[in-house]
Amino acid sequence: MELMQVFVGRALAQGTPSSPFTLDSFTNLLNPFAPGTNEQAGVRLNTLVGTIIGVILTVAAIVAFVYLIVAGFQYITAGGDAAKAETARKGIVNALIGIVVILVAYILLRYVAGLVGGDAQGL
């Protein structure tokens, strides 16, 4: 389920009341002296950073997947031209390498967040 979040956009993150992007979250995050915010400032910052990293990984995964689809289409439509087929094959390999790198980065970030005591909220 967690790996699916890498490939699926965060559609609900824009409009839910519990979203870290609500105005109250930013106001309290930027004002550490607001009443009742000192004990949760680190948690909100952790969630914000995790969400930003999650969005970056999601966008990167979508771009790599689109690149894979485009390169696959180029390979199919090469029409026997060896140069076009080779270029498309390299594109497919590069897209697959990119997807593997993104997955490894996601797994490492989850692991490191667990080591430092975070629960990797937002990832």
N, C-alpha and C. Protein backbone atom coordinates (compact mmCIF):
# COMPACT_ATOMS: atom_id res chain seq x y z
N MET A 1 0.82 -1.19 0.00
CA MET A 1 0.00 0.00 0.00
C MET A 1 0.87 1.25 0.00
N GLU A 2 1.98 1.22 0.75
CA GLU A 2 2.83 2.40 0.82
C GLU A 2 3.52 2.67 -0.50
N LEU A 3 3.92 1.62 -1.21
CA LEU A 3 4.58 1.81 -2.50
C LEU A 3 3.60 2.35 -3.53
N MET A 4 2.31 2.06 -3.34
CA MET A 4 1.33 2.57 -4.28
C MET A 4 1.25 4.09 -4.21
N GLN A 5 1.53 4.67 -3.05
CA GLN A 5 1.50 6.12 -2.91
C GLN A 5 2.58 6.79 -3.74
N VAL A 6 3.64 6.06 -4.04
CA VAL A 6 4.68 6.63 -4.89
C VAL A 6 4.14 6.87 -6.29
N PHE A 7 3.31 5.95 -6.78
CA PHE A 7 2.83 6.04 -8.15
C PHE A 7 1.50 6.76 -8.28
N VAL A 8 0.78 6.87 -7.21
CA VAL A 8 -0.53 7.51 -7.26
C VAL A 8 -0.40 8.91 -6.68
N GLY A 9 -0.92 9.89 -7.36
CA GLY A 9 -0.83 11.26 -6.88
C GLY A 9 -1.58 11.46 -5.58
N ARG A 10 -1.27 12.51 -4.93
CA ARG A 10 -1.90 12.81 -3.65
C ARG A 10 -3.10 13.72 -3.88
N ALA A 11 -4.16 13.15 -4.38
CA ALA A 11 -5.34 13.93 -4.74
C ALA A 11 -6.02 14.51 -3.52
N LEU A 12 -6.05 13.79 -2.44
CA LEU A 12 -6.73 14.28 -1.25
C LEU A 12 -5.89 15.27 -0.45
N ALA A 13 -4.62 15.36 -0.72
CA ALA A 13 -3.74 16.23 0.06
C ALA A 13 -4.04 17.70 -0.17
N GLN A 14 -4.78 18.02 -1.20
CA GLN A 14 -5.03 19.42 -1.49
C GLN A 14 -6.26 19.96 -0.79
N GLY A 15 -7.19 19.10 -0.39
CA GLY A 15 -8.43 19.64 0.10
C GLY A 15 -8.90 19.12 1.44
N THR A 16 -8.21 18.16 2.03
CA THR A 16 -8.70 17.62 3.29
C THR A 16 -8.34 18.54 4.44
N PRO A 17 -9.17 18.61 5.47
CA PRO A 17 -8.88 19.49 6.60
C PRO A 17 -7.63 19.08 7.36
N SER A 18 -7.25 17.80 7.32
CA SER A 18 -6.07 17.35 8.04
C SER A 18 -4.80 17.48 7.21
N SER A 19 -4.91 18.11 6.07
CA SER A 19 -3.77 18.26 5.19
C SER A 19 -2.72 19.17 5.80
N PRO A 20 -1.42 18.86 5.64
CA PRO A 20 -0.39 19.75 6.16
C PRO A 20 -0.31 21.06 5.40
N PHE A 21 -1.08 21.19 4.31
CA PHE A 21 -1.03 22.41 3.52
C PHE A 21 -2.15 23.39 3.88
N THR A 22 -2.88 23.14 4.95
CA THR A 22 -3.91 24.09 5.35
C THR A 22 -3.26 25.32 5.94
N LEU A 23 -3.98 26.42 5.93
CA LEU A 23 -3.44 27.70 6.40
C LEU A 23 -3.06 27.63 7.87
N ASP A 24 -3.87 26.96 8.70
CA ASP A 24 -3.57 26.88 10.12
C ASP A 24 -2.26 26.14 10.37
N SER A 25 -1.98 25.12 9.59
CA SER A 25 -0.75 24.37 9.78
C SER A 25 0.46 25.24 9.51
N PHE A 26 0.42 26.03 8.43
CA PHE A 26 1.55 26.90 8.14
C PHE A 26 1.67 28.02 9.16
N THR A 27 0.56 28.57 9.61
CA THR A 27 0.60 29.65 10.59
C THR A 27 1.22 29.16 11.89
N ASN A 28 0.79 28.01 12.37
CA ASN A 28 1.34 27.48 13.61
C ASN A 28 2.76 26.99 13.45
N LEU A 29 3.11 26.51 12.28
CA LEU A 29 4.47 26.05 12.04
C LEU A 29 5.45 27.21 12.05
N LEU A 30 5.04 28.32 11.47
CA LEU A 30 5.92 29.48 11.40
C LEU A 30 5.92 30.30 12.68
N ASN A 31 4.97 30.07 13.57
CA ASN A 31 4.91 30.81 14.82
C ASN A 31 5.08 29.84 15.98
N PRO A 32 6.32 29.57 16.40
CA PRO A 32 6.54 28.60 17.46
C PRO A 32 6.05 29.07 18.82
N PHE A 33 5.71 30.37 18.95
CA PHE A 33 5.27 30.90 20.23
C PHE A 33 3.75 30.94 20.36
N ALA A 34 3.05 30.43 19.36
CA ALA A 34 1.59 30.37 19.45
C ALA A 34 1.21 29.39 20.55
N PRO A 35 0.08 29.66 21.23
CA PRO A 35 -0.30 28.78 22.34
C PRO A 35 -0.55 27.35 21.88
N GLY A 36 0.05 26.41 22.61
CA GLY A 36 -0.18 24.99 22.33
C GLY A 36 0.59 24.44 21.15
N THR A 37 1.53 25.18 20.59
CA THR A 37 2.24 24.68 19.41
C THR A 37 3.64 24.20 19.71
N ASN A 38 4.20 24.56 20.86
CA ASN A 38 5.59 24.20 21.13
C ASN A 38 5.80 22.69 21.18
N GLU A 39 4.86 21.96 21.76
CA GLU A 39 5.06 20.53 21.89
C GLU A 39 4.86 19.78 20.58
N GLN A 40 4.21 20.40 19.61
CA GLN A 40 3.94 19.71 18.36
C GLN A 40 4.69 20.32 17.17
N ALA A 41 5.53 21.31 17.40
CA ALA A 41 6.21 21.96 16.27
C ALA A 41 7.10 20.98 15.53
N GLY A 42 7.81 20.13 16.25
CA GLY A 42 8.68 19.16 15.60
C GLY A 42 7.90 18.12 14.82
N VAL A 43 6.75 17.74 15.33
CA VAL A 43 5.92 16.75 14.64
C VAL A 43 5.39 17.34 13.35
N ARG A 44 4.94 18.59 13.39
CA ARG A 44 4.42 19.22 12.18
C ARG A 44 5.53 19.43 11.15
N LEU A 45 6.71 19.81 11.61
CA LEU A 45 7.83 19.99 10.68
C LEU A 45 8.20 18.65 10.05
N ASN A 46 8.20 17.60 10.85
CA ASN A 46 8.49 16.26 10.34
C ASN A 46 7.46 15.86 9.28
N THR A 47 6.20 16.15 9.56
CA THR A 47 5.14 15.82 8.60
C THR A 47 5.28 16.64 7.33
N LEU A 48 5.60 17.92 7.48
CA LEU A 48 5.76 18.79 6.31
C LEU A 48 6.91 18.32 5.43
N VAL A 49 8.05 18.02 6.04
CA VAL A 49 9.21 17.56 5.27
C VAL A 49 8.89 16.21 4.61
N GLY A 50 8.24 15.32 5.35
CA GLY A 50 7.87 14.03 4.78
C GLY A 50 6.92 14.17 3.60
N THR A 51 5.98 15.12 3.72
CA THR A 51 5.04 15.34 2.63
C THR A 51 5.74 15.91 1.41
N ILE A 52 6.65 16.85 1.62
CA ILE A 52 7.38 17.44 0.49
C ILE A 52 8.21 16.38 -0.22
N ILE A 53 8.91 15.55 0.54
CA ILE A 53 9.71 14.49 -0.06
C ILE A 53 8.80 13.49 -0.78
N GLY A 54 7.66 13.17 -0.19
CA GLY A 54 6.72 12.26 -0.82
C GLY A 54 6.19 12.80 -2.14
N VAL A 55 5.90 14.10 -2.18
CA VAL A 55 5.41 14.71 -3.42
C VAL A 55 6.51 14.69 -4.48
N ILE A 56 7.74 15.00 -4.08
CA ILE A 56 8.85 14.99 -5.04
C ILE A 56 9.05 13.58 -5.61
N LEU A 57 9.01 12.57 -4.76
CA LEU A 57 9.16 11.19 -5.24
C LEU A 57 7.99 10.78 -6.13
N THR A 58 6.79 11.24 -5.79
CA THR A 58 5.63 10.93 -6.62
C THR A 58 5.75 11.54 -8.00
N VAL A 59 6.15 12.80 -8.06
CA VAL A 59 6.31 13.47 -9.36
C VAL A 59 7.42 12.79 -10.16
N ALA A 60 8.52 12.45 -9.51
CA ALA A 60 9.62 11.78 -10.21
C ALA A 60 9.17 10.42 -10.76
N ALA A 61 8.38 9.69 -9.98
CA ALA A 61 7.89 8.39 -10.45
C ALA A 61 6.95 8.55 -11.64
N ILE A 62 6.10 9.56 -11.59
CA ILE A 62 5.18 9.79 -12.71
C ILE A 62 5.96 10.16 -13.97
N VAL A 63 6.96 11.02 -13.83
CA VAL A 63 7.78 11.41 -14.98
C VAL A 63 8.51 10.20 -15.55
N ALA A 64 9.08 9.36 -14.69
CA ALA A 64 9.79 8.17 -15.17
C ALA A 64 8.83 7.21 -15.86
N PHE A 65 7.63 7.07 -15.33
CA PHE A 65 6.65 6.18 -15.96
C PHE A 65 6.22 6.71 -17.32
N VAL A 66 5.98 8.01 -17.42
CA VAL A 66 5.61 8.61 -18.71
C VAL A 66 6.75 8.44 -19.71
N TYR A 67 7.99 8.64 -19.25
CA TYR A 67 9.16 8.46 -20.11
C TYR A 67 9.24 7.01 -20.60
N LEU A 68 8.91 6.07 -19.72
CA LEU A 68 8.89 4.66 -20.11
C LEU A 68 7.83 4.40 -21.18
N ILE A 69 6.66 4.97 -21.02
CA ILE A 69 5.59 4.80 -22.01
C ILE A 69 5.99 5.41 -23.35
N VAL A 70 6.56 6.61 -23.33
CA VAL A 70 6.97 7.28 -24.57
C VAL A 70 8.06 6.48 -25.27
N ALA A 71 9.05 6.02 -24.52
CA ALA A 71 10.13 5.23 -25.12
C ALA A 71 9.60 3.91 -25.67
N GLY A 72 8.65 3.30 -24.98
CA GLY A 72 8.04 2.08 -25.48
C GLY A 72 7.28 2.32 -26.78
N PHE A 73 6.57 3.44 -26.85
CA PHE A 73 5.85 3.79 -28.08
C PHE A 73 6.84 4.04 -29.22
N GLN A 74 7.97 4.70 -28.92
CA GLN A 74 8.99 4.93 -29.94
C GLN A 74 9.58 3.61 -30.42
N TYR A 75 9.75 2.67 -29.51
CA TYR A 75 10.28 1.36 -29.90
C TYR A 75 9.31 0.62 -30.81
N ILE A 76 8.03 0.71 -30.47
CA ILE A 76 7.01 0.03 -31.28
C ILE A 76 6.93 0.63 -32.67
N THR A 77 7.05 1.95 -32.75
CA THR A 77 6.90 2.64 -34.04
C THR A 77 8.23 2.84 -34.77
N ALA A 78 9.28 2.16 -34.35
CA ALA A 78 10.58 2.31 -35.01
C ALA A 78 10.52 1.82 -36.46
N GLY A 79 9.67 0.90 -36.75
CA GLY A 79 9.47 0.44 -38.12
C GLY A 79 10.68 -0.23 -38.73
N GLY A 80 11.45 -0.95 -37.96
CA GLY A 80 12.59 -1.66 -38.51
C GLY A 80 13.86 -0.82 -38.58
N ASP A 81 13.78 0.45 -38.25
CA ASP A 81 14.96 1.32 -38.26
C ASP A 81 15.78 1.01 -37.01
N ALA A 82 16.99 0.49 -37.22
CA ALA A 82 17.82 0.05 -36.10
C ALA A 82 18.24 1.20 -35.20
N ALA A 83 18.50 2.37 -35.76
CA ALA A 83 18.93 3.51 -34.96
C ALA A 83 17.80 3.99 -34.04
N LYS A 84 16.58 4.06 -34.59
CA LYS A 84 15.44 4.48 -33.77
C LYS A 84 15.13 3.45 -32.68
N ALA A 85 15.24 2.18 -33.04
CA ALA A 85 14.98 1.12 -32.07
C ALA A 85 16.01 1.15 -30.95
N GLU A 86 17.26 1.40 -31.29
CA GLU A 86 18.32 1.47 -30.27
C GLU A 86 18.11 2.67 -29.35
N THR A 87 17.74 3.81 -29.91
CA THR A 87 17.47 5.00 -29.10
C THR A 87 16.30 4.74 -28.15
N ALA A 88 15.26 4.11 -28.66
CA ALA A 88 14.10 3.81 -27.83
C ALA A 88 14.45 2.79 -26.75
N ARG A 89 15.27 1.81 -27.09
CA ARG A 89 15.68 0.81 -26.10
C ARG A 89 16.47 1.46 -24.98
N LYS A 90 17.36 2.39 -25.33
CA LYS A 90 18.11 3.11 -24.30
C LYS A 90 17.17 3.93 -23.41
N GLY A 91 16.15 4.51 -24.02
CA GLY A 91 15.16 5.26 -23.24
C GLY A 91 14.41 4.37 -22.27
N ILE A 92 14.06 3.17 -22.71
CA ILE A 92 13.37 2.22 -21.84
C ILE A 92 14.26 1.82 -20.67
N VAL A 93 15.52 1.52 -20.97
CA VAL A 93 16.47 1.14 -19.92
C VAL A 93 16.65 2.29 -18.93
N ASN A 94 16.80 3.51 -19.44
CA ASN A 94 16.97 4.66 -18.56
C ASN A 94 15.74 4.89 -17.68
N ALA A 95 14.56 4.72 -18.23
CA ALA A 95 13.33 4.89 -17.45
C ALA A 95 13.24 3.83 -16.36
N LEU A 96 13.58 2.60 -16.69
CA LEU A 96 13.55 1.54 -15.68
C LEU A 96 14.58 1.78 -14.59
N ILE A 97 15.76 2.26 -14.96
CA ILE A 97 16.77 2.60 -13.95
C ILE A 97 16.24 3.72 -13.06
N GLY A 98 15.60 4.71 -13.65
CA GLY A 98 15.02 5.80 -12.86
C GLY A 98 13.98 5.31 -11.88
N ILE A 99 13.12 4.41 -12.32
CA ILE A 99 12.08 3.87 -11.43
C ILE A 99 12.72 3.09 -10.28
N VAL A 100 13.75 2.31 -10.58
CA VAL A 100 14.44 1.57 -9.52
C VAL A 100 15.10 2.53 -8.53
N VAL A 101 15.73 3.58 -9.03
CA VAL A 101 16.38 4.56 -8.14
C VAL A 101 15.34 5.24 -7.25
N ILE A 102 14.19 5.57 -7.81
CA ILE A 102 13.13 6.21 -7.02
C ILE A 102 12.63 5.26 -5.94
N LEU A 103 12.43 4.00 -6.28
CA LEU A 103 11.97 3.02 -5.29
C LEU A 103 13.00 2.81 -4.19
N VAL A 104 14.28 2.74 -4.56
CA VAL A 104 15.33 2.59 -3.55
C VAL A 104 15.40 3.82 -2.65
N ALA A 105 15.26 5.01 -3.23
CA ALA A 105 15.25 6.23 -2.43
C ALA A 105 14.08 6.23 -1.46
N TYR A 106 12.93 5.81 -1.91
CA TYR A 106 11.75 5.74 -1.05
C TYR A 106 11.98 4.77 0.11
N ILE A 107 12.51 3.59 -0.20
CA ILE A 107 12.75 2.59 0.84
C ILE A 107 13.79 3.09 1.83
N LEU A 108 14.86 3.70 1.34
CA LEU A 108 15.90 4.22 2.24
C LEU A 108 15.36 5.34 3.12
N LEU A 109 14.55 6.22 2.57
CA LEU A 109 13.98 7.29 3.37
C LEU A 109 13.07 6.75 4.46
N ARG A 110 12.27 5.74 4.14
CA ARG A 110 11.42 5.12 5.16
C ARG A 110 12.28 4.46 6.24
N TYR A 111 13.36 3.82 5.84
CA TYR A 111 14.24 3.14 6.80
C TYR A 111 14.93 4.15 7.71
N VAL A 112 15.48 5.21 7.12
CA VAL A 112 16.17 6.22 7.91
C VAL A 112 15.20 6.94 8.84
N ALA A 113 14.00 7.22 8.37
CA ALA A 113 13.00 7.86 9.23
C ALA A 113 12.66 6.96 10.41
N GLY A 114 12.62 5.67 10.20
CA GLY A 114 12.37 4.75 11.30
C GLY A 114 13.53 4.70 12.28
N LEU A 115 14.75 4.84 11.78
CA LEU A 115 15.93 4.82 12.65
C LEU A 115 16.00 6.04 13.56
N VAL A 116 15.63 7.18 13.04
CA VAL A 116 15.73 8.41 13.84
C VAL A 116 14.50 8.64 14.70
N GLY A 117 13.61 7.69 14.71
CA GLY A 117 12.46 7.77 15.60
C GLY A 117 11.22 8.37 14.99
N GLY A 118 11.29 8.74 13.74
CA GLY A 118 10.10 9.28 13.09
C GLY A 118 9.24 8.15 12.57
N ASP A 119 8.00 8.48 12.28
CA ASP A 119 7.12 7.48 11.71
C ASP A 119 6.92 7.72 10.23
N ALA A 120 7.73 8.58 9.63
CA ALA A 120 7.72 8.85 8.19
C ALA A 120 6.36 9.30 7.71
N GLN A 121 5.74 10.19 8.46
CA GLN A 121 4.44 10.71 8.04
C GLN A 121 4.62 11.49 6.75
N GLY A 122 3.71 11.31 5.87
CA GLY A 122 3.76 12.02 4.60
C GLY A 122 4.48 11.27 3.51
N LEU A 123 5.23 10.24 3.84
CA LEU A 123 5.93 9.45 2.82
C LEU A 123 5.08 8.31 2.37
